[in-house]
Full PDB file with SEQRES, HELIX, SHEET, SSBOND, CRYST1, ORIGX, SCALE, CONECT and MASTER records, all heavy atoms in Angstrom:
SEQRES   1 A   36  SER LEU VAL ASN LEU TRP THR ALA TYR ASN ARG HIS LEU          
SEQRES   2 A   36  CYS ALA ILE LEU ASP SER LEU PRO ALA GLY VAL LEU SER          
SEQRES   3 A   36  ALA PRO CYS ASN ILE GLY GLN ALA GLU PRO                      
HELIX    1 AA1 LEU A    2  SER A   19  1                                  18    
HELIX    2 AA2 ALA A   22  SER A   26  5                                   5    
CRYST1    1.000    1.000    1.000  90.00  90.00  90.00 P 1           1          
ORIGX1      1.000000  0.000000  0.000000        0.00000                         
ORIGX2      0.000000  1.000000  0.000000        0.00000                         
ORIGX3      0.000000  0.000000  1.000000        0.00000                         
SCALE1      1.000000  0.000000  0.000000        0.00000                         
SCALE2      0.000000  1.000000  0.000000        0.00000                         
SCALE3      0.000000  0.000000  1.000000        0.00000                         
ATOM      1  N   SER A   1      14.663 -13.088 -11.891  1.00  0.00           N  
ATOM      2  CA  SER A   1      13.979 -12.002 -11.190  1.00  0.00           C  
ATOM      3  C   SER A   1      12.944 -12.563 -10.191  1.00  0.00           C  
ATOM      4  O   SER A   1      12.820 -12.081  -9.077  1.00  0.00           O  
ATOM      5  CB  SER A   1      13.275 -11.069 -12.148  1.00  0.00           C  
ATOM      6  OG  SER A   1      14.203 -10.383 -12.957  1.00  0.00           O  
ATOM      7  N   LEU A   2      12.258 -13.606 -10.606  1.00  0.00           N  
ATOM      8  CA  LEU A   2      11.285 -14.261  -9.711  1.00  0.00           C  
ATOM      9  C   LEU A   2      12.001 -14.913  -8.496  1.00  0.00           C  
ATOM     10  O   LEU A   2      11.543 -14.779  -7.378  1.00  0.00           O  
ATOM     11  CB  LEU A   2      10.468 -15.289 -10.427  1.00  0.00           C  
ATOM     12  CG  LEU A   2       9.432 -14.786 -11.415  1.00  0.00           C  
ATOM     13  CD1 LEU A   2       8.763 -15.966 -12.123  1.00  0.00           C  
ATOM     14  CD2 LEU A   2       8.387 -13.931 -10.700  1.00  0.00           C  
ATOM     15  N   VAL A   3      13.104 -15.565  -8.766  1.00  0.00           N  
ATOM     16  CA  VAL A   3      13.871 -16.190  -7.699  1.00  0.00           C  
ATOM     17  C   VAL A   3      14.339 -15.130  -6.674  1.00  0.00           C  
ATOM     18  O   VAL A   3      14.224 -15.306  -5.463  1.00  0.00           O  
ATOM     19  CB  VAL A   3      15.054 -17.029  -8.219  1.00  0.00           C  
ATOM     20  CG1 VAL A   3      15.995 -17.485  -7.116  1.00  0.00           C  
ATOM     21  CG2 VAL A   3      14.551 -18.208  -9.008  1.00  0.00           C  
ATOM     22  N   ASN A   4      14.857 -13.997  -7.216  1.00  0.00           N  
ATOM     23  CA  ASN A   4      15.310 -12.934  -6.361  1.00  0.00           C  
ATOM     24  C   ASN A   4      14.163 -12.341  -5.557  1.00  0.00           C  
ATOM     25  O   ASN A   4      14.294 -12.043  -4.349  1.00  0.00           O  
ATOM     26  CB  ASN A   4      15.986 -11.838  -7.176  1.00  0.00           C  
ATOM     27  CG  ASN A   4      17.316 -12.288  -7.783  1.00  0.00           C  
ATOM     28  OD1 ASN A   4      17.911 -13.236  -7.309  1.00  0.00           O  
ATOM     29  ND2 ASN A   4      17.718 -11.596  -8.820  1.00  0.00           N  
ATOM     30  N   LEU A   5      13.037 -12.139  -6.189  1.00  0.00           N  
ATOM     31  CA  LEU A   5      11.832 -11.615  -5.496  1.00  0.00           C  
ATOM     32  C   LEU A   5      11.407 -12.515  -4.363  1.00  0.00           C  
ATOM     33  O   LEU A   5      11.242 -12.060  -3.231  1.00  0.00           O  
ATOM     34  CB  LEU A   5      10.676 -11.443  -6.498  1.00  0.00           C  
ATOM     35  CG  LEU A   5       9.306 -11.177  -5.890  1.00  0.00           C  
ATOM     36  CD1 LEU A   5       9.310  -9.799  -5.225  1.00  0.00           C  
ATOM     37  CD2 LEU A   5       8.208 -11.324  -6.932  1.00  0.00           C  
ATOM     38  N   TRP A   6      11.253 -13.808  -4.624  1.00  0.00           N  
ATOM     39  CA  TRP A   6      10.763 -14.724  -3.600  1.00  0.00           C  
ATOM     40  C   TRP A   6      11.806 -14.986  -2.511  1.00  0.00           C  
ATOM     41  O   TRP A   6      11.460 -15.156  -1.363  1.00  0.00           O  
ATOM     42  CB  TRP A   6      10.280 -16.000  -4.224  1.00  0.00           C  
ATOM     43  CG  TRP A   6       8.965 -15.752  -4.950  1.00  0.00           C  
ATOM     44  CD1 TRP A   6       8.769 -15.699  -6.302  1.00  0.00           C  
ATOM     45  CD2 TRP A   6       7.725 -15.381  -4.355  1.00  0.00           C  
ATOM     46  NE1 TRP A   6       7.450 -15.329  -6.544  1.00  0.00           N  
ATOM     47  CE2 TRP A   6       6.804 -15.157  -5.386  1.00  0.00           C  
ATOM     48  CE3 TRP A   6       7.294 -15.213  -3.064  1.00  0.00           C  
ATOM     49  CZ2 TRP A   6       5.479 -14.757  -5.163  1.00  0.00           C  
ATOM     50  CZ3 TRP A   6       5.945 -14.840  -2.821  1.00  0.00           C  
ATOM     51  CH2 TRP A   6       5.088 -14.631  -3.854  1.00  0.00           C  
ATOM     52  N   THR A   7      13.095 -14.875  -2.847  1.00  0.00           N  
ATOM     53  CA  THR A   7      14.116 -15.004  -1.866  1.00  0.00           C  
ATOM     54  C   THR A   7      14.031 -13.813  -0.863  1.00  0.00           C  
ATOM     55  O   THR A   7      14.012 -13.999   0.337  1.00  0.00           O  
ATOM     56  CB  THR A   7      15.537 -15.072  -2.486  1.00  0.00           C  
ATOM     57  OG1 THR A   7      15.583 -16.212  -3.336  1.00  0.00           O  
ATOM     58  CG2 THR A   7      16.601 -15.116  -1.454  1.00  0.00           C  
ATOM     59  N   ALA A   8      13.931 -12.640  -1.418  1.00  0.00           N  
ATOM     60  CA  ALA A   8      13.889 -11.418  -0.587  1.00  0.00           C  
ATOM     61  C   ALA A   8      12.621 -11.431   0.206  1.00  0.00           C  
ATOM     62  O   ALA A   8      12.609 -11.098   1.441  1.00  0.00           O  
ATOM     63  CB  ALA A   8      13.937 -10.193  -1.449  1.00  0.00           C  
ATOM     64  N   TYR A   9      11.496 -11.818  -0.375  1.00  0.00           N  
ATOM     65  CA  TYR A   9      10.223 -11.815   0.326  1.00  0.00           C  
ATOM     66  C   TYR A   9      10.200 -12.850   1.483  1.00  0.00           C  
ATOM     67  O   TYR A   9       9.730 -12.528   2.573  1.00  0.00           O  
ATOM     68  CB  TYR A   9       9.081 -12.124  -0.639  1.00  0.00           C  
ATOM     69  CG  TYR A   9       7.705 -11.990  -0.010  1.00  0.00           C  
ATOM     70  CD1 TYR A   9       7.230 -10.721   0.396  1.00  0.00           C  
ATOM     71  CD2 TYR A   9       6.908 -13.075   0.220  1.00  0.00           C  
ATOM     72  CE1 TYR A   9       6.007 -10.600   1.003  1.00  0.00           C  
ATOM     73  CE2 TYR A   9       5.679 -12.965   0.801  1.00  0.00           C  
ATOM     74  CZ  TYR A   9       5.216 -11.720   1.200  1.00  0.00           C  
ATOM     75  OH  TYR A   9       4.004 -11.613   1.818  1.00  0.00           O  
ATOM     76  N   ASN A  10      10.746 -14.024   1.237  1.00  0.00           N  
ATOM     77  CA  ASN A  10      10.777 -15.031   2.292  1.00  0.00           C  
ATOM     78  C   ASN A  10      11.745 -14.619   3.434  1.00  0.00           C  
ATOM     79  O   ASN A  10      11.455 -14.903   4.620  1.00  0.00           O  
ATOM     80  CB  ASN A  10      11.131 -16.387   1.723  1.00  0.00           C  
ATOM     81  CG  ASN A  10       9.909 -17.040   1.095  1.00  0.00           C  
ATOM     82  OD1 ASN A  10       9.016 -17.438   1.789  1.00  0.00           O  
ATOM     83  ND2 ASN A  10       9.882 -17.096  -0.238  1.00  0.00           N  
ATOM     84  N   ARG A  11      12.800 -13.963   3.130  1.00  0.00           N  
ATOM     85  CA  ARG A  11      13.698 -13.423   4.160  1.00  0.00           C  
ATOM     86  C   ARG A  11      12.964 -12.384   4.998  1.00  0.00           C  
ATOM     87  O   ARG A  11      13.100 -12.299   6.229  1.00  0.00           O  
ATOM     88  CB  ARG A  11      14.985 -12.858   3.567  1.00  0.00           C  
ATOM     89  CG  ARG A  11      15.900 -13.933   3.086  1.00  0.00           C  
ATOM     90  CD  ARG A  11      17.207 -13.366   2.599  1.00  0.00           C  
ATOM     91  NE  ARG A  11      18.077 -14.485   2.184  1.00  0.00           N  
ATOM     92  CZ  ARG A  11      18.978 -14.428   1.249  1.00  0.00           C  
ATOM     93  NH1 ARG A  11      19.154 -13.298   0.576  1.00  0.00           N  
ATOM     94  NH2 ARG A  11      19.711 -15.444   0.951  1.00  0.00           N  
ATOM     95  N   HIS A  12      12.187 -11.556   4.345  1.00  0.00           N  
ATOM     96  CA  HIS A  12      11.382 -10.550   5.018  1.00  0.00           C  
ATOM     97  C   HIS A  12      10.360 -11.222   5.988  1.00  0.00           C  
ATOM     98  O   HIS A  12      10.275 -10.831   7.148  1.00  0.00           O  
ATOM     99  CB  HIS A  12      10.679  -9.677   3.973  1.00  0.00           C  
ATOM    100  CG  HIS A  12       9.715  -8.721   4.570  1.00  0.00           C  
ATOM    101  ND1 HIS A  12      10.139  -7.640   5.311  1.00  0.00           N  
ATOM    102  CD2 HIS A  12       8.363  -8.657   4.532  1.00  0.00           C  
ATOM    103  CE1 HIS A  12       9.058  -6.929   5.715  1.00  0.00           C  
ATOM    104  NE2 HIS A  12       7.991  -7.540   5.272  1.00  0.00           N  
ATOM    105  N   LEU A  13       9.712 -12.251   5.490  1.00  0.00           N  
ATOM    106  CA  LEU A  13       8.745 -12.964   6.326  1.00  0.00           C  
ATOM    107  C   LEU A  13       9.425 -13.596   7.505  1.00  0.00           C  
ATOM    108  O   LEU A  13       8.897 -13.589   8.641  1.00  0.00           O  
ATOM    109  CB  LEU A  13       7.978 -14.020   5.519  1.00  0.00           C  
ATOM    110  CG  LEU A  13       7.007 -13.481   4.480  1.00  0.00           C  
ATOM    111  CD1 LEU A  13       6.423 -14.669   3.696  1.00  0.00           C  
ATOM    112  CD2 LEU A  13       5.958 -12.646   5.108  1.00  0.00           C  
ATOM    113  N   CYS A  14      10.607 -14.152   7.325  1.00  0.00           N  
ATOM    114  CA  CYS A  14      11.391 -14.779   8.429  1.00  0.00           C  
ATOM    115  C   CYS A  14      11.724 -13.728   9.486  1.00  0.00           C  
ATOM    116  O   CYS A  14      11.644 -14.011  10.671  1.00  0.00           O  
ATOM    117  CB  CYS A  14      12.645 -15.439   7.910  1.00  0.00           C  
ATOM    118  SG  CYS A  14      12.359 -16.969   7.010  1.00  0.00           S  
ATOM    119  N   ALA A  15      12.113 -12.534   9.035  1.00  0.00           N  
ATOM    120  CA  ALA A  15      12.422 -11.453   9.976  1.00  0.00           C  
ATOM    121  C   ALA A  15      11.170 -11.078  10.789  1.00  0.00           C  
ATOM    122  O   ALA A  15      11.277 -10.809  12.016  1.00  0.00           O  
ATOM    123  CB  ALA A  15      12.962 -10.226   9.239  1.00  0.00           C  
ATOM    124  N   ILE A  16      10.022 -11.045  10.158  1.00  0.00           N  
ATOM    125  CA  ILE A  16       8.795 -10.749  10.878  1.00  0.00           C  
ATOM    126  C   ILE A  16       8.513 -11.831  11.919  1.00  0.00           C  
ATOM    127  O   ILE A  16       8.196 -11.546  13.092  1.00  0.00           O  
ATOM    128  CB  ILE A  16       7.575 -10.629   9.899  1.00  0.00           C  
ATOM    129  CG1 ILE A  16       7.732  -9.384   9.046  1.00  0.00           C  
ATOM    130  CG2 ILE A  16       6.281 -10.616  10.698  1.00  0.00           C  
ATOM    131  CD1 ILE A  16       6.751  -9.281   7.915  1.00  0.00           C  
ATOM    132  N   LEU A  17       8.606 -13.072  11.490  1.00  0.00           N  
ATOM    133  CA  LEU A  17       8.375 -14.211  12.450  1.00  0.00           C  
ATOM    134  C   LEU A  17       9.350 -14.167  13.604  1.00  0.00           C  
ATOM    135  O   LEU A  17       9.021 -14.485  14.735  1.00  0.00           O  
ATOM    136  CB  LEU A  17       8.447 -15.532  11.719  1.00  0.00           C  
ATOM    137  CG  LEU A  17       7.296 -15.801  10.763  1.00  0.00           C  
ATOM    138  CD1 LEU A  17       7.556 -17.096   9.974  1.00  0.00           C  
ATOM    139  CD2 LEU A  17       5.967 -15.889  11.469  1.00  0.00           C  
ATOM    140  N   ASP A  18      10.604 -13.831  13.316  1.00  0.00           N  
ATOM    141  CA  ASP A  18      11.611 -13.790  14.393  1.00  0.00           C  
ATOM    142  C   ASP A  18      11.294 -12.684  15.420  1.00  0.00           C  
ATOM    143  O   ASP A  18      11.739 -12.773  16.573  1.00  0.00           O  
ATOM    144  CB  ASP A  18      13.014 -13.467  13.816  1.00  0.00           C  
ATOM    145  CG  ASP A  18      13.660 -14.664  13.167  1.00  0.00           C  
ATOM    146  OD1 ASP A  18      13.190 -15.803  13.437  1.00  0.00           O  
ATOM    147  OD2 ASP A  18      14.612 -14.510  12.400  1.00  0.00           O  
ATOM    148  N   SER A  19      10.535 -11.674  15.040  1.00  0.00           N  
ATOM    149  CA  SER A  19      10.243 -10.584  15.934  1.00  0.00           C  
ATOM    150  C   SER A  19       8.947 -10.786  16.775  1.00  0.00           C  
ATOM    151  O   SER A  19       8.652 -10.033  17.648  1.00  0.00           O  
ATOM    152  CB  SER A  19      10.119  -9.235  15.154  1.00  0.00           C  
ATOM    153  OG  SER A  19       8.974  -9.270  14.385  1.00  0.00           O  
ATOM    154  N   LEU A  20       8.209 -11.839  16.465  1.00  0.00           N  
ATOM    155  CA  LEU A  20       6.971 -12.134  17.154  1.00  0.00           C  
ATOM    156  C   LEU A  20       7.247 -12.723  18.561  1.00  0.00           C  
ATOM    157  O   LEU A  20       8.205 -13.470  18.714  1.00  0.00           O  
ATOM    158  CB  LEU A  20       6.125 -13.145  16.411  1.00  0.00           C  
ATOM    159  CG  LEU A  20       5.553 -12.621  15.071  1.00  0.00           C  
ATOM    160  CD1 LEU A  20       4.797 -13.770  14.354  1.00  0.00           C  
ATOM    161  CD2 LEU A  20       4.605 -11.440  15.258  1.00  0.00           C  
ATOM    162  N   PRO A  21       6.420 -12.377  19.522  1.00  0.00           N  
ATOM    163  CA  PRO A  21       6.534 -13.010  20.845  1.00  0.00           C  
ATOM    164  C   PRO A  21       6.351 -14.514  20.750  1.00  0.00           C  
ATOM    165  O   PRO A  21       5.498 -14.978  19.941  1.00  0.00           O  
ATOM    166  CB  PRO A  21       5.462 -12.346  21.694  1.00  0.00           C  
ATOM    167  CG  PRO A  21       5.011 -11.174  20.915  1.00  0.00           C  
ATOM    168  CD  PRO A  21       5.325 -11.434  19.496  1.00  0.00           C  
ATOM    169  N   ALA A  22       7.050 -15.310  21.523  1.00  0.00           N  
ATOM    170  CA  ALA A  22       6.997 -16.760  21.445  1.00  0.00           C  
ATOM    171  C   ALA A  22       5.571 -17.288  21.608  1.00  0.00           C  
ATOM    172  O   ALA A  22       5.204 -18.225  20.912  1.00  0.00           O  
ATOM    173  CB  ALA A  22       7.883 -17.412  22.533  1.00  0.00           C  
ATOM    174  N   GLY A  23       4.747 -16.724  22.460  1.00  0.00           N  
ATOM    175  CA  GLY A  23       3.427 -17.226  22.701  1.00  0.00           C  
ATOM    176  C   GLY A  23       2.495 -17.117  21.469  1.00  0.00           C  
ATOM    177  O   GLY A  23       1.550 -17.867  21.324  1.00  0.00           O  
ATOM    178  N   VAL A  24       2.787 -16.200  20.577  1.00  0.00           N  
ATOM    179  CA  VAL A  24       1.957 -16.010  19.372  1.00  0.00           C  
ATOM    180  C   VAL A  24       2.150 -17.139  18.419  1.00  0.00           C  
ATOM    181  O   VAL A  24       1.261 -17.508  17.647  1.00  0.00           O  
ATOM    182  CB  VAL A  24       2.336 -14.672  18.721  1.00  0.00           C  
ATOM    183  CG1 VAL A  24       1.643 -14.482  17.389  1.00  0.00           C  
ATOM    184  CG2 VAL A  24       1.968 -13.502  19.656  1.00  0.00           C  
ATOM    185  N   LEU A  25       3.341 -17.732  18.367  1.00  0.00           N  
ATOM    186  CA  LEU A  25       3.654 -18.770  17.372  1.00  0.00           C  
ATOM    187  C   LEU A  25       2.818 -20.055  17.540  1.00  0.00           C  
ATOM    188  O   LEU A  25       2.674 -20.829  16.607  1.00  0.00           O  
ATOM    189  CB  LEU A  25       5.138 -19.113  17.415  1.00  0.00           C  
ATOM    190  CG  LEU A  25       6.102 -17.949  17.067  1.00  0.00           C  
ATOM    191  CD1 LEU A  25       7.508 -18.424  17.203  1.00  0.00           C  
ATOM    192  CD2 LEU A  25       5.789 -17.428  15.645  1.00  0.00           C  
ATOM    193  N   SER A  26       2.307 -20.271  18.718  1.00  0.00           N  
ATOM    194  CA  SER A  26       1.490 -21.506  18.926  1.00  0.00           C  
ATOM    195  C   SER A  26       0.025 -21.274  18.699  1.00  0.00           C  
ATOM    196  O   SER A  26      -0.789 -22.218  18.726  1.00  0.00           O  
ATOM    197  CB  SER A  26       1.714 -22.007  20.363  1.00  0.00           C  
ATOM    198  OG  SER A  26       1.259 -21.053  21.311  1.00  0.00           O  
ATOM    199  N   ALA A  27      -0.387 -20.030  18.399  1.00  0.00           N  
ATOM    200  CA  ALA A  27      -1.833 -19.751  18.123  1.00  0.00           C  
ATOM    201  C   ALA A  27      -2.223 -20.418  16.823  1.00  0.00           C  
ATOM    202  O   ALA A  27      -1.524 -20.338  15.809  1.00  0.00           O  
ATOM    203  CB  ALA A  27      -2.039 -18.234  17.994  1.00  0.00           C  
ATOM    204  N   PRO A  28      -3.364 -21.135  16.817  1.00  0.00           N  
ATOM    205  CA  PRO A  28      -3.823 -21.803  15.599  1.00  0.00           C  
ATOM    206  C   PRO A  28      -4.313 -20.791  14.559  1.00  0.00           C  
ATOM    207  O   PRO A  28      -4.955 -19.764  14.873  1.00  0.00           O  
ATOM    208  CB  PRO A  28      -4.947 -22.701  16.047  1.00  0.00           C  
ATOM    209  CG  PRO A  28      -5.464 -22.063  17.306  1.00  0.00           C  
ATOM    210  CD  PRO A  28      -4.283 -21.372  17.944  1.00  0.00           C  
ATOM    211  N   CYS A  29      -3.958 -21.050  13.304  1.00  0.00           N  
ATOM    212  CA  CYS A  29      -4.414 -20.193  12.179  1.00  0.00           C  
ATOM    213  C   CYS A  29      -5.220 -21.067  11.241  1.00  0.00           C  
ATOM    214  O   CYS A  29      -4.836 -22.185  10.943  1.00  0.00           O  
ATOM    215  CB  CYS A  29      -3.222 -19.598  11.430  1.00  0.00           C  
ATOM    216  SG  CYS A  29      -2.253 -18.516  12.401  1.00  0.00           S  
ATOM    217  N   ASN A  30      -6.344 -20.518  10.763  1.00  0.00           N  
ATOM    218  CA  ASN A  30      -7.178 -21.232   9.798  1.00  0.00           C  
ATOM    219  C   ASN A  30      -6.976 -20.637   8.436  1.00  0.00           C  
ATOM    220  O   ASN A  30      -7.117 -19.432   8.216  1.00  0.00           O  
ATOM    221  CB  ASN A  30      -8.656 -21.108  10.202  1.00  0.00           C  
ATOM    222  CG  ASN A  30      -8.959 -21.700  11.551  1.00  0.00           C  
ATOM    223  OD1 ASN A  30      -8.554 -22.820  11.808  1.00  0.00           O  
ATOM    224  ND2 ASN A  30      -9.637 -20.955  12.350  1.00  0.00           N  
ATOM    225  N   ILE A  31      -6.623 -21.471   7.473  1.00  0.00           N  
ATOM    226  CA  ILE A  31      -6.430 -21.011   6.087  1.00  0.00           C  
ATOM    227  C   ILE A  31      -7.261 -21.912   5.208  1.00  0.00           C  
ATOM    228  O   ILE A  31      -6.982 -23.133   5.099  1.00  0.00           O  
ATOM    229  CB  ILE A  31      -4.958 -21.044   5.683  1.00  0.00           C  
ATOM    230  CG1 ILE A  31      -4.122 -20.153   6.605  1.00  0.00           C  
ATOM    231  CG2 ILE A  31      -4.819 -20.595   4.231  1.00  0.00           C  
ATOM    232  CD1 ILE A  31      -2.643 -20.197   6.354  1.00  0.00           C  
ATOM    233  N   GLY A  32      -8.280 -21.355   4.579  1.00  0.00           N  
ATOM    234  CA  GLY A  32      -9.140 -22.178   3.733  1.00  0.00           C  
ATOM    235  C   GLY A  32      -9.835 -23.270   4.481  1.00  0.00           C  
ATOM    236  O   GLY A  32     -10.288 -23.107   5.612  1.00  0.00           O  
ATOM    237  N   GLN A  33      -9.881 -24.460   3.890  1.00  0.00           N  
ATOM    238  CA  GLN A  33     -10.575 -25.598   4.484  1.00  0.00           C  
ATOM    239  C   GLN A  33      -9.644 -26.492   5.295  1.00  0.00           C  
ATOM    240  O   GLN A  33     -10.095 -27.493   5.873  1.00  0.00           O  
ATOM    241  CB  GLN A  33     -11.264 -26.401   3.387  1.00  0.00           C  
ATOM    242  CG  GLN A  33     -12.265 -25.642   2.590  1.00  0.00           C  
ATOM    243  CD  GLN A  33     -13.434 -25.071   3.440  1.00  0.00           C  
ATOM    244  OE1 GLN A  33     -13.934 -25.787   4.284  1.00  0.00           O  
ATOM    245  NE2 GLN A  33     -13.791 -23.861   3.189  1.00  0.00           N  
ATOM    246  N   ALA A  34      -8.362 -26.181   5.318  1.00  0.00           N  
ATOM    247  CA  ALA A  34      -7.378 -27.009   6.024  1.00  0.00           C  
ATOM    248  C   ALA A  34      -7.582 -26.920   7.536  1.00  0.00           C  
ATOM    249  O   ALA A  34      -8.167 -25.995   8.049  1.00  0.00           O  
ATOM    250  CB  ALA A  34      -5.969 -26.598   5.672  1.00  0.00           C  
ATOM    251  N   GLU A  35      -7.085 -27.935   8.237  1.00  0.00           N  
ATOM    252  CA  GLU A  35      -7.143 -27.931   9.675  1.00  0.00           C  
ATOM    253  C   GLU A  35      -6.275 -26.747  10.220  1.00  0.00           C  
ATOM    254  O   GLU A  35      -5.253 -26.419   9.637  1.00  0.00           O  
ATOM    255  CB  GLU A  35      -6.566 -29.254  10.220  1.00  0.00           C  
ATOM    256  CG  GLU A  35      -7.452 -30.453   9.987  1.00  0.00           C  
ATOM    257  CD  GLU A  35      -8.755 -30.327  10.776  1.00  0.00           C  
ATOM    258  OE1 GLU A  35      -8.732 -29.986  11.987  1.00  0.00           O  
ATOM    259  OE2 GLU A  35      -9.798 -30.597  10.171  1.00  0.00           O  
ATOM    260  N   PRO A  36      -6.712 -26.151  11.321  1.00  0.00           N  
ATOM    261  CA  PRO A  36      -5.909 -25.090  11.930  1.00  0.00           C  
ATOM    262  C   PRO A  36      -4.468 -25.590  12.241  1.00  0.00           C  
ATOM    263  O   PRO A  36      -4.282 -26.720  12.574  1.00  0.00           O  
ATOM    264  CB  PRO A  36      -6.641 -24.778  13.238  1.00  0.00           C  
ATOM    265  CG  PRO A  36      -8.017 -25.255  12.984  1.00  0.00           C  
ATOM    266  CD  PRO A  36      -7.901 -26.418  12.066  1.00  0.00           C  
TER     267      PRO A  36                                                      
MASTER        0    0    0    2    0    0    0    6  266    1    0    3          
END                                                                             
């Protein structure tokens, strides 16, 4: 059930990323203390 959940969720995230304009993908994102 967990594998199915995360498979479906990651496919959903991929579909979202595929729909973003190309220029947005190069924008830096800050998460926690990691480098952008």
